[in-house]
């Protein structure tokens, strides 16, 4: 399941993919976190309260 809401920092309109954008995403812990985002992107898991930031160099989401 994809993330339910995307609030990205970038030019309008909303892109078809997150590629090349720094994004702030809200979703559930079961949602797929994209790996085609810029360093420092954020993902907030609404059901757990956990927050992750994307480490572009290592292509992984790191719990904060």
PDB file of N, CA and C in Angstrom:
ATOM      1  N   UNK A   1       0.846  -1.171   0.000  1.00  0.00           N
ATOM      2  CA  UNK A   1       0.000   0.000   0.000  1.00  0.00           C
ATOM      3  C   UNK A   1       0.892   1.234   0.000  1.00  0.00           C
ATOM      4  N   UNK A   2       0.550   2.214  -0.799  1.00  0.00           N
ATOM      5  CA  UNK A   2       1.321   3.447  -0.885  1.00  0.00           C
ATOM      6  C   UNK A   2       0.942   4.385   0.247  1.00  0.00           C
ATOM      7  N   UNK A   3       1.787   5.357   0.479  1.00  0.00           N
ATOM      8  CA  UNK A   3       1.499   6.358   1.502  1.00  0.00           C
ATOM      9  C   UNK A   3       0.211   7.098   1.165  1.00  0.00           C
ATOM     10  N   UNK A   4      -0.479   7.552   2.185  1.00  0.00           N
ATOM     11  CA  UNK A   4      -1.790   8.140   1.982  1.00  0.00           C
ATOM     12  C   UNK A   4      -1.766   9.641   1.727  1.00  0.00           C
ATOM     13  N   UNK A   5      -0.711  10.330   2.105  1.00  0.00           N
ATOM     14  CA  UNK A   5      -0.657  11.779   1.933  1.00  0.00           C
ATOM     15  C   UNK A   5       0.775  12.192   1.660  1.00  0.00           C
ATOM     16  N   UNK A   6       0.952  13.072   0.700  1.00  0.00           N
ATOM     17  CA  UNK A   6       2.285  13.584   0.394  1.00  0.00           C
ATOM     18  C   UNK A   6       2.256  15.098   0.485  1.00  0.00           C
ATOM     19  N   UNK A   7       3.111  15.659   1.282  1.00  0.00           N
ATOM     20  CA  UNK A   7       3.294  17.099   1.378  1.00  0.00           C
ATOM     21  C   UNK A   7       4.743  17.330   1.010  1.00  0.00           C
ATOM     22  N   UNK A   8       4.998  17.636  -0.243  1.00  0.00           N
ATOM     23  CA  UNK A   8       6.381  17.714  -0.691  1.00  0.00           C
ATOM     24  C   UNK A   8       6.841  19.153  -0.777  1.00  0.00           C
ATOM     25  N   UNK A   9       8.151  19.331  -0.704  1.00  0.00           N
ATOM     26  CA  UNK A   9       8.745  20.654  -0.836  1.00  0.00           C
ATOM     27  C   UNK A   9       9.333  20.719  -2.237  1.00  0.00           C
ATOM     28  N   UNK A  10       8.675  21.405  -3.102  1.00  0.00           N
ATOM     29  CA  UNK A  10       9.124  21.481  -4.485  1.00  0.00           C
ATOM     30  C   UNK A  10       8.133  22.288  -5.310  1.00  0.00           C
ATOM     31  N   UNK A  11       8.384  22.414  -6.592  1.00  0.00           N
ATOM     32  CA  UNK A  11       7.488  23.202  -7.438  1.00  0.00           C
ATOM     33  C   UNK A  11       6.157  22.493  -7.672  1.00  0.00           C
ATOM     34  N   UNK A  12       5.098  23.254  -7.845  1.00  0.00           N
ATOM     35  CA  UNK A  12       3.794  22.687  -8.215  1.00  0.00           C
ATOM     36  C   UNK A  12       3.812  22.449  -9.722  1.00  0.00           C
ATOM     37  N   UNK A  13       3.062  21.564 -10.255  1.00  0.00           N
ATOM     38  CA  UNK A  13       2.106  20.680  -9.601  1.00  0.00           C
ATOM     39  C   UNK A  13       2.769  19.443  -8.998  1.00  0.00           C
ATOM     40  N   UNK A  14       1.995  18.693  -8.227  1.00  0.00           N
ATOM     41  CA  UNK A  14       2.471  17.472  -7.596  1.00  0.00           C
ATOM     42  C   UNK A  14       3.023  16.515  -8.655  1.00  0.00           C
ATOM     43  N   UNK A  15       4.231  16.021  -8.481  1.00  0.00           N
ATOM     44  CA  UNK A  15       4.836  15.139  -9.495  1.00  0.00           C
ATOM     45  C   UNK A  15       4.214  13.743  -9.492  1.00  0.00           C
ATOM     46  N   UNK A  16       4.372  13.033 -10.616  1.00  0.00           N
ATOM     47  CA  UNK A  16       3.902  11.651 -10.707  1.00  0.00           C
ATOM     48  C   UNK A  16       4.725  10.728  -9.823  1.00  0.00           C
ATOM     49  N   UNK A  17       5.973  11.086  -9.576  1.00  0.00           N
ATOM     50  CA  UNK A  17       6.817  10.309  -8.669  1.00  0.00           C
ATOM     51  C   UNK A  17       7.517  11.296  -7.737  1.00  0.00           C
ATOM     52  N   UNK A  18       8.174  10.775  -6.724  1.00  0.00           N
ATOM     53  CA  UNK A  18       8.884  11.616  -5.767  1.00  0.00           C
ATOM     54  C   UNK A  18      10.309  11.898  -6.217  1.00  0.00           C
ATOM     55  N   UNK A  19      10.719  11.358  -7.365  1.00  0.00           N
ATOM     56  CA  UNK A  19      12.093  11.443  -7.823  1.00  0.00           C
ATOM     57  C   UNK A  19      12.585  12.889  -7.868  1.00  0.00           C
ATOM     58  N   UNK A  20      13.657  13.147  -7.135  1.00  0.00           N
ATOM     59  CA  UNK A  20      14.268  14.454  -7.149  1.00  0.00           C
ATOM     60  C   UNK A  20      13.659  15.456  -6.187  1.00  0.00           C
ATOM     61  N   UNK A  21      12.695  15.047  -5.372  1.00  0.00           N
ATOM     62  CA  UNK A  21      12.044  15.958  -4.446  1.00  0.00           C
ATOM     63  C   UNK A  21      12.343  15.587  -3.006  1.00  0.00           C
ATOM     64  N   UNK A  22      12.379  16.587  -2.153  1.00  0.00           N
ATOM     65  CA  UNK A  22      12.408  16.361  -0.715  1.00  0.00           C
ATOM     66  C   UNK A  22      10.952  16.389  -0.281  1.00  0.00           C
ATOM     67  N   UNK A  23      10.499  15.330   0.355  1.00  0.00           N
ATOM     68  CA  UNK A  23       9.081  15.197   0.668  1.00  0.00           C
ATOM     69  C   UNK A  23       8.856  14.987   2.156  1.00  0.00           C
ATOM     70  N   UNK A  24       7.653  15.322   2.591  1.00  0.00           N
ATOM     71  CA  UNK A  24       7.178  14.997   3.937  1.00  0.00           C
ATOM     72  C   UNK A  24       5.949  14.132   3.715  1.00  0.00           C
ATOM     73  N   UNK A  25       6.011  12.904   4.196  1.00  0.00           N
ATOM     74  CA  UNK A  25       4.956  11.939   3.933  1.00  0.00           C
ATOM     75  C   UNK A  25       4.335  11.473   5.236  1.00  0.00           C
ATOM     76  N   UNK A  26       3.025  11.329   5.234  1.00  0.00           N
ATOM     77  CA  UNK A  26       2.294  10.780   6.373  1.00  0.00           C
ATOM     78  C   UNK A  26       1.647   9.496   5.906  1.00  0.00           C
ATOM     79  N   UNK A  27       1.779   8.432   6.679  1.00  0.00           N
ATOM     80  CA  UNK A  27       1.173   7.160   6.317  1.00  0.00           C
ATOM     81  C   UNK A  27       1.164   6.219   7.505  1.00  0.00           C
ATOM     82  N   UNK A  28       0.847   4.970   7.222  1.00  0.00           N
ATOM     83  CA  UNK A  28       0.842   3.933   8.247  1.00  0.00           C
ATOM     84  C   UNK A  28       2.159   3.173   8.212  1.00  0.00           C
ATOM     85  N   UNK A  29       2.468   2.452   9.285  1.00  0.00           N
ATOM     86  CA  UNK A  29       3.742   1.714   9.318  1.00  0.00           C
ATOM     87  C   UNK A  29       3.774   0.624   8.246  1.00  0.00           C
ATOM     88  N   UNK A  30       2.630   0.208   7.757  1.00  0.00           N
ATOM     89  CA  UNK A  30       2.567  -0.818   6.716  1.00  0.00           C
ATOM     90  C   UNK A  30       2.717  -0.231   5.308  1.00  0.00           C
ATOM     91  N   UNK A  31       2.682   1.094   5.186  1.00  0.00           N
ATOM     92  CA  UNK A  31       2.831   1.729   3.877  1.00  0.00           C
ATOM     93  C   UNK A  31       4.262   1.595   3.374  1.00  0.00           C
ATOM     94  N   UNK A  32       4.406   1.512   2.075  1.00  0.00           N
ATOM     95  CA  UNK A  32       5.724   1.437   1.446  1.00  0.00           C
ATOM     96  C   UNK A  32       6.356   2.819   1.437  1.00  0.00           C
ATOM     97  N   UNK A  33       7.540   2.925   1.995  1.00  0.00           N
ATOM     98  CA  UNK A  33       8.270   4.189   1.993  1.00  0.00           C
ATOM     99  C   UNK A  33       9.077   4.265   0.698  1.00  0.00           C
ATOM    100  N   UNK A  34       8.930   5.335  -0.077  1.00  0.00           N
ATOM    101  CA  UNK A  34       9.657   5.432  -1.343  1.00  0.00           C
ATOM    102  C   UNK A  34      11.151   5.611  -1.119  1.00  0.00           C
ATOM    103  N   UNK A  35      11.947   5.129  -2.062  1.00  0.00           N
ATOM    104  CA  UNK A  35      13.398   5.295  -1.966  1.00  0.00           C
ATOM    105  C   UNK A  35      13.935   6.184  -3.083  1.00  0.00           C
ATOM    106  N   UNK A  36      13.034   6.814  -3.832  1.00  0.00           N
ATOM    107  CA  UNK A  36      13.471   7.725  -4.899  1.00  0.00           C
ATOM    108  C   UNK A  36      13.207   9.170  -4.493  1.00  0.00           C
ATOM    109  N   UNK A  37      13.578   9.488  -3.230  1.00  0.00           N
ATOM    110  CA  UNK A  37      13.390  10.834  -2.689  1.00  0.00           C
ATOM    111  C   UNK A  37      14.744  11.433  -2.332  1.00  0.00           C
ATOM    112  N   UNK A  38      14.767  12.728  -2.067  1.00  0.00           N
ATOM    113  CA  UNK A  38      16.003  13.414  -1.724  1.00  0.00           C
ATOM    114  C   UNK A  38      16.349  13.222  -0.244  1.00  0.00           C
ATOM    115  N   UNK A  39      17.624  13.397   0.046  1.00  0.00           N
ATOM    116  CA  UNK A  39      18.135  13.318   1.410  1.00  0.00           C
ATOM    117  C   UNK A  39      17.368  14.271   2.322  1.00  0.00           C
ATOM    118  N   UNK A  40      17.022  13.803   3.517  1.00  0.00           N
ATOM    119  CA  UNK A  40      16.316  14.627   4.478  1.00  0.00           C
ATOM    120  C   UNK A  40      14.809  14.576   4.371  1.00  0.00           C
ATOM    121  N   UNK A  41      14.276  13.792   3.435  1.00  0.00           N
ATOM    122  CA  UNK A  41      12.827  13.623   3.353  1.00  0.00           C
ATOM    123  C   UNK A  41      12.339  12.968   4.632  1.00  0.00           C
ATOM    124  N   UNK A  42      11.076  13.203   4.972  1.00  0.00           N
ATOM    125  CA  UNK A  42      10.536  12.680   6.210  1.00  0.00           C
ATOM    126  C   UNK A  42       9.322  11.792   6.002  1.00  0.00           C
ATOM    127  N   UNK A  43       9.150  10.821   6.874  1.00  0.00           N
ATOM    128  CA  UNK A  43       7.978   9.940   6.861  1.00  0.00           C
ATOM    129  C   UNK A  43       7.477   9.796   8.288  1.00  0.00           C
ATOM    130  N   UNK A  44       6.237  10.218   8.526  1.00  0.00           N
ATOM    131  CA  UNK A  44       5.619  10.111   9.841  1.00  0.00           C
ATOM    132  C   UNK A  44       4.620   8.973   9.816  1.00  0.00           C
ATOM    133  N   UNK A  45       4.810   7.990  10.705  1.00  0.00           N
ATOM    134  CA  UNK A  45       3.873   6.872  10.817  1.00  0.00           C
ATOM    135  C   UNK A  45       2.763   7.276  11.782  1.00  0.00           C
ATOM    136  N   UNK A  46       1.581   7.506  11.243  1.00  0.00           N
ATOM    137  CA  UNK A  46       0.466   8.008  12.043  1.00  0.00           C
ATOM    138  C   UNK A  46       0.018   7.024  13.104  1.00  0.00           C
ATOM    139  N   UNK A  47       0.134   5.731  12.838  1.00  0.00           N
ATOM    140  CA  UNK A  47      -0.369   4.737  13.782  1.00  0.00           C
ATOM    141  C   UNK A  47       0.626   4.398  14.892  1.00  0.00           C
ATOM    142  N   UNK A  48       1.916   4.647  14.679  1.00  0.00           N
ATOM    143  CA  UNK A  48       2.912   4.343  15.706  1.00  0.00           C
ATOM    144  C   UNK A  48       3.503   5.596  16.343  1.00  0.00           C
ATOM    145  N   UNK A  49       3.406   6.725  15.643  1.00  0.00           N
ATOM    146  CA  UNK A  49       4.009   7.961  16.125  1.00  0.00           C
ATOM    147  C   UNK A  49       5.493   8.054  15.819  1.00  0.00           C
ATOM    148  N   UNK A  50       6.046   7.065  15.098  1.00  0.00           N
ATOM    149  CA  UNK A  50       7.471   7.071  14.752  1.00  0.00           C
ATOM    150  C   UNK A  50       7.717   8.008  13.575  1.00  0.00           C
ATOM    151  N   UNK A  51       8.893   8.640  13.567  1.00  0.00           N
ATOM    152  CA  UNK A  51       9.273   9.538  12.479  1.00  0.00           C
ATOM    153  C   UNK A  51      10.596   9.062  11.898  1.00  0.00           C
ATOM    154  N   UNK A  52      10.668   9.018  10.575  1.00  0.00           N
ATOM    155  CA  UNK A  52      11.856   8.568   9.861  1.00  0.00           C
ATOM    156  C   UNK A  52      12.339   9.667   8.930  1.00  0.00           C
ATOM    157  N   UNK A  53      13.661   9.738   8.755  1.00  0.00           N
ATOM    158  CA  UNK A  53      14.243  10.631   7.762  1.00  0.00           C
ATOM    159  C   UNK A  53      15.054   9.779   6.790  1.00  0.00           C
ATOM    160  N   UNK A  54      15.050  10.203   5.514  1.00  0.00           N
ATOM    161  CA  UNK A  54      15.700   9.417   4.471  1.00  0.00           C
ATOM    162  C   UNK A  54      17.174   9.761   4.370  1.00  0.00           C
ATOM    163  N   UNK A  55      18.007   8.733   4.381  1.00  0.00           N
ATOM    164  CA  UNK A  55      19.454   8.830   4.195  1.00  0.00           C
ATOM    165  C   UNK A  55      19.719   8.440   2.748  1.00  0.00           C
ATOM    166  N   UNK A  56      19.860   9.459   1.889  1.00  0.00           N
ATOM    167  CA  UNK A  56      20.004   9.210   0.455  1.00  0.00           C
ATOM    168  C   UNK A  56      21.292   8.453   0.121  1.00  0.00           C
ATOM    169  N   UNK A  57      22.374   8.739   0.813  1.00  0.00           N
ATOM    170  CA  UNK A  57      23.656   8.094   0.530  1.00  0.00           C
ATOM    171  C   UNK A  57      23.568   6.579   0.707  1.00  0.00           C
ATOM    172  N   UNK A  58      22.845   6.131   1.734  1.00  0.00           N
ATOM    173  CA  UNK A  58      22.720   4.713   2.007  1.00  0.00           C
ATOM    174  C   UNK A  58      21.364   4.142   1.574  1.00  0.00           C
ATOM    175  N   UNK A  59      20.539   4.999   0.955  1.00  0.00           N
ATOM    176  CA  UNK A  59      19.227   4.601   0.434  1.00  0.00           C
ATOM    177  C   UNK A  59      18.371   3.862   1.472  1.00  0.00           C
ATOM    178  N   UNK A  60      18.249   4.489   2.666  1.00  0.00           N
ATOM    179  CA  UNK A  60      17.434   3.876   3.703  1.00  0.00           C
ATOM    180  C   UNK A  60      16.776   4.928   4.581  1.00  0.00           C
ATOM    181  N   UNK A  61      15.660   4.549   5.175  1.00  0.00           N
ATOM    182  CA  UNK A  61      14.934   5.395   6.105  1.00  0.00           C
ATOM    183  C   UNK A  61      15.480   5.135   7.500  1.00  0.00           C
ATOM    184  N   UNK A  62      15.822   6.200   8.221  1.00  0.00           N
ATOM    185  CA  UNK A  62      16.378   6.072   9.566  1.00  0.00           C
ATOM    186  C   UNK A  62      15.397   6.637  10.594  1.00  0.00           C
ATOM    187  N   UNK A  63      15.088   5.817  11.596  1.00  0.00           N
ATOM    188  CA  UNK A  63      14.188   6.236  12.660  1.00  0.00           C
ATOM    189  C   UNK A  63      14.856   7.329  13.487  1.00  0.00           C
ATOM    190  N   UNK A  64      14.122   8.363  13.782  1.00  0.00           N
ATOM    191  CA  UNK A  64      14.647   9.509  14.543  1.00  0.00           C
ATOM    192  C   UNK A  64      14.315   9.397  16.007  1.00  0.00           C
TER     193      UNK A  64
END
